[in-house]
Protein backbone atom coordinates (compact mmCIF):
# COMPACT_ATOMS: atom_id res chain seq x y z
CA MET A 1 -38.51 25.63 90.86
CA THR A 2 -41.59 25.59 88.33
CA SER A 3 -43.17 22.99 86.46
CA THR A 4 -45.20 22.78 83.16
CA SER A 5 -48.21 20.51 82.84
CA ASN A 6 -48.84 18.17 79.89
CA LYS A 7 -51.64 15.93 78.59
CA THR A 8 -50.10 12.49 79.60
CA GLY A 9 -50.79 13.12 83.25
CA LEU A 10 -47.06 12.22 84.24
CA ALA A 11 -46.01 14.63 86.97
CA ALA A 12 -42.91 16.73 86.57
CA PRO A 13 -39.79 15.38 88.33
CA THR A 14 -38.44 16.84 91.47
CA LEU A 15 -35.10 17.45 93.14
CA ALA A 16 -34.37 14.52 95.45
CA GLN A 17 -32.05 16.53 97.79
CA SER A 18 -33.30 18.24 100.92
CA HIS A 19 -32.81 21.75 99.54
CA LYS A 20 -35.80 21.85 97.16
CA THR A 21 -35.60 25.47 95.97
CA GLY A 22 -32.53 24.95 93.83
CA ILE A 23 -29.14 23.33 93.11
CA ASN A 24 -26.00 24.51 94.99
CA ILE A 25 -22.40 23.36 94.58
CA THR A 26 -22.75 20.67 97.08
CA SER A 27 -25.80 18.99 95.53
CA ALA A 28 -24.51 19.51 92.02
CA ALA A 29 -21.74 16.84 92.68
CA HIS A 30 -24.20 14.10 93.56
CA LEU A 31 -27.38 15.31 91.91
CA LEU A 32 -30.32 13.06 91.94
CA ILE A 33 -33.82 13.60 90.21
CA GLU A 34 -36.87 11.96 91.50
CA VAL A 35 -39.46 10.60 89.37
CA PRO A 36 -42.73 10.24 91.19
CA ALA A 37 -44.73 6.83 90.89
CA TYR A 38 -47.52 6.89 88.19
CA ALA A 39 -50.73 5.09 87.61
CA THR A 40 -49.66 2.75 84.85
CA MET A 41 -46.11 1.97 86.38
CA ASP A 42 -45.04 -1.65 85.63
CA GLU A 43 -42.13 -3.89 85.64
CA GLY A 44 -39.99 -3.50 82.43
CA ASP A 45 -40.97 0.24 81.91
CA LEU A 46 -38.02 2.30 80.57
CA ILE A 47 -37.58 5.75 82.27
CA GLU A 48 -35.45 8.22 80.33
CA LEU A 49 -34.46 11.45 82.06
CA PHE A 50 -33.75 14.64 79.89
CA TRP A 51 -31.82 17.72 81.04
CA ASN A 52 -32.38 20.74 78.76
CA HIS A 53 -33.87 18.27 76.27
CA CYS A 54 -30.63 16.36 76.31
CA TYR A 55 -30.69 12.70 77.40
CA VAL A 56 -28.75 12.16 80.66
CA ALA A 57 -29.91 8.84 82.38
CA SER A 58 -32.34 5.85 82.05
CA ARG A 59 -33.67 3.01 84.26
CA VAL A 60 -35.65 -0.21 83.54
CA LEU A 61 -37.81 -0.83 86.34
CA THR A 62 -37.98 -4.01 88.42
CA ALA A 63 -40.78 -5.51 90.27
CA THR A 64 -39.60 -3.75 93.55
CA ASP A 65 -39.56 -0.31 91.78
CA VAL A 66 -43.42 -0.46 91.08
CA GLY A 67 -45.50 1.99 93.14
CA GLN A 68 -42.21 3.73 94.39
CA PRO A 69 -40.43 7.03 93.41
CA VAL A 70 -37.41 6.46 91.16
CA GLN A 71 -34.30 8.38 91.47
CA LEU A 72 -31.98 8.99 88.47
CA ARG A 73 -28.53 10.82 88.67
CA VAL A 74 -27.49 13.73 86.54
CA PRO A 75 -23.68 13.84 85.55
CA GLU A 76 -22.10 17.02 87.01
CA SER A 77 -20.88 17.88 83.57
CA PHE A 78 -24.52 18.84 82.55
CA ILE A 79 -24.88 21.35 85.45
CA ASP A 80 -24.13 25.01 84.82
CA ASN A 81 -25.26 28.31 86.53
CA GLY A 82 -28.60 29.53 85.53
CA THR A 83 -32.01 27.83 85.00
CA SER A 84 -32.50 24.29 83.39
CA ARG A 85 -35.61 22.28 82.43
CA ILE A 86 -35.88 18.69 83.34
CA HIS A 87 -38.52 16.10 82.15
CA TYR A 88 -38.63 12.25 81.64
CA ARG A 89 -40.05 9.94 79.12
CA VAL A 90 -41.87 6.63 79.79
CA MET A 91 -41.57 3.79 77.43
CA GLN A 92 -43.93 0.81 77.92
CA VAL A 93 -44.62 -2.32 75.96
CA GLY A 94 -47.69 -1.89 73.83
CA ARG A 95 -47.92 1.73 74.42
CA GLY A 96 -46.55 4.74 72.78
CA PRO A 97 -43.96 7.08 74.52
CA ALA A 98 -45.30 9.32 77.20
CA LEU A 99 -43.51 12.61 78.22
CA SER A 100 -43.89 14.11 81.62
CA ALA A 101 -44.53 17.72 82.65
CA ALA A 102 -41.39 19.60 82.62
CA ARG A 103 -39.75 21.42 85.81
CA SER A 104 -37.48 24.36 85.75
CA VAL A 105 -34.74 24.49 88.37
CA GLN A 106 -32.43 27.16 89.43
CA ILE A 107 -28.73 26.47 89.67
CA LYS A 108 -26.15 28.54 91.56
CA LEU A 109 -22.60 27.19 92.00
CA ASP A 110 -20.97 30.41 93.17
CA CYS A 111 -20.52 30.53 96.85
CA PRO A 112 -20.97 33.84 98.61
CA GLY A 113 -17.43 35.10 99.40
CA GLY A 114 -16.01 32.53 96.92
CA GLN A 115 -15.40 28.97 97.57
CA PRO A 116 -13.71 28.33 101.06
CA SER A 117 -10.54 26.42 101.17
CA ALA A 118 -10.88 23.09 102.87
CA LEU A 119 -7.55 23.90 104.63
CA CYS A 120 -9.22 26.68 106.60
CA GLY A 121 -11.99 24.69 108.46
CA ASP A 122 -14.93 26.78 109.24
CA GLU A 123 -13.41 30.14 108.19
CA ASN A 124 -13.58 31.79 104.58
CA GLN A 125 -10.52 34.07 104.31
CA SER A 126 -11.91 35.60 101.14
CA LEU A 127 -14.45 37.41 103.29
CA ALA A 128 -13.52 40.61 104.96
CA PRO A 129 -13.72 40.89 108.79
CA VAL A 130 -16.59 43.23 109.97
CA SER A 131 -15.62 46.88 110.06
CA ILE A 132 -15.83 48.47 113.46
CA PRO A 133 -15.31 52.18 114.06
CA GLU A 134 -11.71 52.78 115.29
CA THR A 135 -12.57 54.33 118.72
CA ILE A 136 -14.58 51.35 119.67
CA ARG A 137 -12.00 48.90 118.30
CA ARG A 138 -9.38 50.80 120.41
CA GLN A 139 -11.28 51.36 123.59
CA GLY A 140 -13.77 48.69 123.58
CA VAL A 141 -17.59 48.83 124.50
CA ASN A 142 -18.32 50.73 127.58
CA PRO A 143 -21.78 51.17 129.45
CA ASN A 144 -22.55 54.33 127.41
CA GLN A 145 -21.79 52.54 124.19
CA VAL A 146 -24.05 49.68 125.21
CA LYS A 147 -26.99 52.08 125.60
CA ARG A 148 -26.40 53.31 122.09
CA GLY A 149 -25.54 50.02 120.38
CA VAL A 150 -22.45 49.22 118.26
CA PRO A 151 -22.40 50.11 114.33
CA LEU A 152 -20.78 47.55 112.05
CA THR A 153 -20.17 47.32 108.40
CA ILE A 154 -19.99 44.20 106.34
CA GLU A 155 -18.08 45.00 103.08
CA PRO A 156 -19.35 43.74 99.65
CA TYR A 157 -18.25 40.18 98.95
CA LEU A 158 -17.70 38.03 95.92
CA ASN A 159 -20.85 36.52 94.33
CA MET A 160 -23.08 38.75 96.44
CA ALA A 161 -26.63 38.33 95.29
CA ALA A 162 -30.25 39.23 96.08
CA ASP A 163 -31.88 36.99 98.85
CA ASP A 164 -28.56 36.14 100.56
CA GLU A 165 -29.28 35.66 104.27
CA ILE A 166 -26.41 37.08 106.56
CA THR A 167 -26.05 35.86 110.23
CA LEU A 168 -23.88 38.01 112.53
CA ARG A 169 -22.25 36.22 115.39
CA TRP A 170 -21.56 38.35 118.54
CA GLY A 171 -19.63 36.14 120.79
CA ASP A 172 -22.07 33.20 121.37
CA VAL A 173 -25.19 35.23 120.23
CA ARG A 174 -26.46 34.95 116.79
CA MET A 175 -28.38 37.88 115.05
CA ASP A 176 -30.13 37.34 111.64
CA LEU A 177 -30.00 40.35 109.35
CA PRO A 178 -32.77 41.20 106.85
CA ARG A 179 -32.21 39.35 103.41
CA VAL A 180 -30.05 41.27 100.73
CA LYS A 181 -32.00 43.16 98.36
CA THR A 182 -31.27 43.71 94.65
CA SER A 183 -30.30 47.31 95.46
CA ASP A 184 -27.93 46.14 98.19
CA VAL A 185 -25.76 44.02 95.78
CA GLY A 186 -22.38 45.55 95.60
CA GLN A 187 -22.96 48.02 98.61
CA PRO A 188 -21.63 47.79 102.16
CA ILE A 189 -24.19 46.34 104.54
CA GLN A 190 -24.69 48.59 107.67
CA VAL A 191 -25.47 46.86 110.90
CA TRP A 192 -26.51 48.19 114.29
CA VAL A 193 -25.93 45.73 117.14
CA PRO A 194 -28.70 46.73 119.57
CA PRO A 195 -28.12 46.79 123.41
CA ALA A 196 -30.17 43.61 124.04
CA ILE A 197 -27.72 41.52 121.91
CA ILE A 198 -24.64 43.16 123.60
CA LEU A 199 -26.03 42.40 127.13
CA GLU A 200 -26.96 38.74 126.03
CA GLY A 201 -23.12 38.35 124.87
CA GLY A 202 -22.09 39.54 128.17
CA GLU A 203 -18.67 40.74 129.39
CA ASP A 204 -15.60 39.68 127.56
CA LEU A 205 -12.09 40.78 127.25
CA ARG A 206 -11.84 39.18 123.66
CA LEU A 207 -15.37 38.84 122.29
CA GLU A 208 -15.36 37.64 118.60
CA VAL A 209 -17.48 39.22 116.12
CA THR A 210 -17.99 37.51 112.66
CA TYR A 211 -20.57 36.61 110.10
CA CYS A 212 -21.54 34.14 107.50
CA ILE A 213 -23.68 34.04 104.50
CA LEU A 214 -26.32 31.58 103.08
CA ASP A 215 -27.41 32.06 99.52
CA ARG A 216 -30.88 31.28 98.05
CA VAL A 217 -30.14 27.82 96.99
CA GLY A 218 -28.22 26.87 100.23
CA ASN A 219 -24.50 27.58 99.36
CA ASN A 220 -22.72 28.52 102.80
CA SER A 221 -19.86 31.02 102.87
CA ARG A 222 -18.58 29.80 106.33
CA TRP A 223 -17.38 32.34 108.81
CA ALA A 224 -15.48 35.55 107.97
CA PRO A 225 -12.28 36.00 109.81
CA ALA A 226 -13.32 37.32 113.47
CA ARG A 227 -12.57 40.72 114.99
CA THR A 228 -12.23 40.91 118.62
CA LEU A 229 -13.69 43.54 120.94
CA LYS A 230 -13.34 44.20 124.72
CA ILE A 231 -16.79 44.40 126.18
CA GLY A 232 -16.54 45.65 129.82
CA CYS A 233 -19.29 46.56 132.31
CA ALA A 234 -22.04 45.80 129.84
CA ASN A 235 -24.57 45.38 132.59
CA PRO A 236 -23.71 46.87 136.00
CA TYR A 237 -26.41 44.72 137.55
CA LEU A 238 -24.92 41.49 136.27
CA LYS A 239 -21.34 42.56 136.48
CA VAL A 240 -18.81 39.54 136.65
CA PRO A 241 -15.99 39.93 139.28
CA LYS A 242 -12.79 40.77 137.48
CA LYS A 243 -11.02 37.53 138.42
CA ALA A 244 -13.84 35.40 137.24
CA SER A 245 -14.00 37.28 134.02
CA LEU A 246 -10.37 36.82 133.37
CA LYS A 247 -10.66 32.99 133.89
CA ALA A 248 -13.63 32.74 131.42
CA ALA A 249 -11.71 34.67 128.83
CA GLU A 250 -8.58 32.47 129.27
CA ALA A 251 -10.68 29.33 128.94
CA ARG A 252 -12.09 30.55 125.66
CA ARG A 253 -8.53 31.19 124.36
CA ARG A 254 -7.46 27.65 125.01
């Protein structure tokens, strides 16, 4: 998000939502732009907000507004993917109109993996489950495999983009992957789960492995459908008795 200065001294507007780096699909539905307080602010001032030079909203200030930031809502119909410029104009009695500095904002309304269905809860069925070598899927992870780590592959997904942040979930343990680079877009993401993560996840007859994606403006993919793996004898020094292990697995399935 960048701003352009001007001669009036009026600061550029800002995004009022918590994710300040851009506009995502959630914030676009209720987008508020914040006009900061200015030195000559007074009751009766008219503030007009412009989106790509088109008028979108206005407000006449009351006595309680003076000295406070003012928020104006942008109708969702104005918001499209790409970059937009926003500025405002202040009209005061006895003065000429004053234009603020402009600010550029980045808009991305395409969720990684596509927009999840509200019927699927925390799962996005448009994302492919992680790919695991067939031998490991069949036989599970034994102590020798723990020492080597486990290779996984995350397939390319809809709306994949540079700066996407992928989080892998190995049971109850989370592992943040390096941000997606421009050269990664459209390519499978190779992941190596190290022994430390496997040991922390512990033994499990049906350990779930999945991932989610957060893009550069905060759109969240939700979780991909999970794969299950048998993790046995991950750490012989911390081995859980078989009966206790079965009970723990049953509790997780309920």
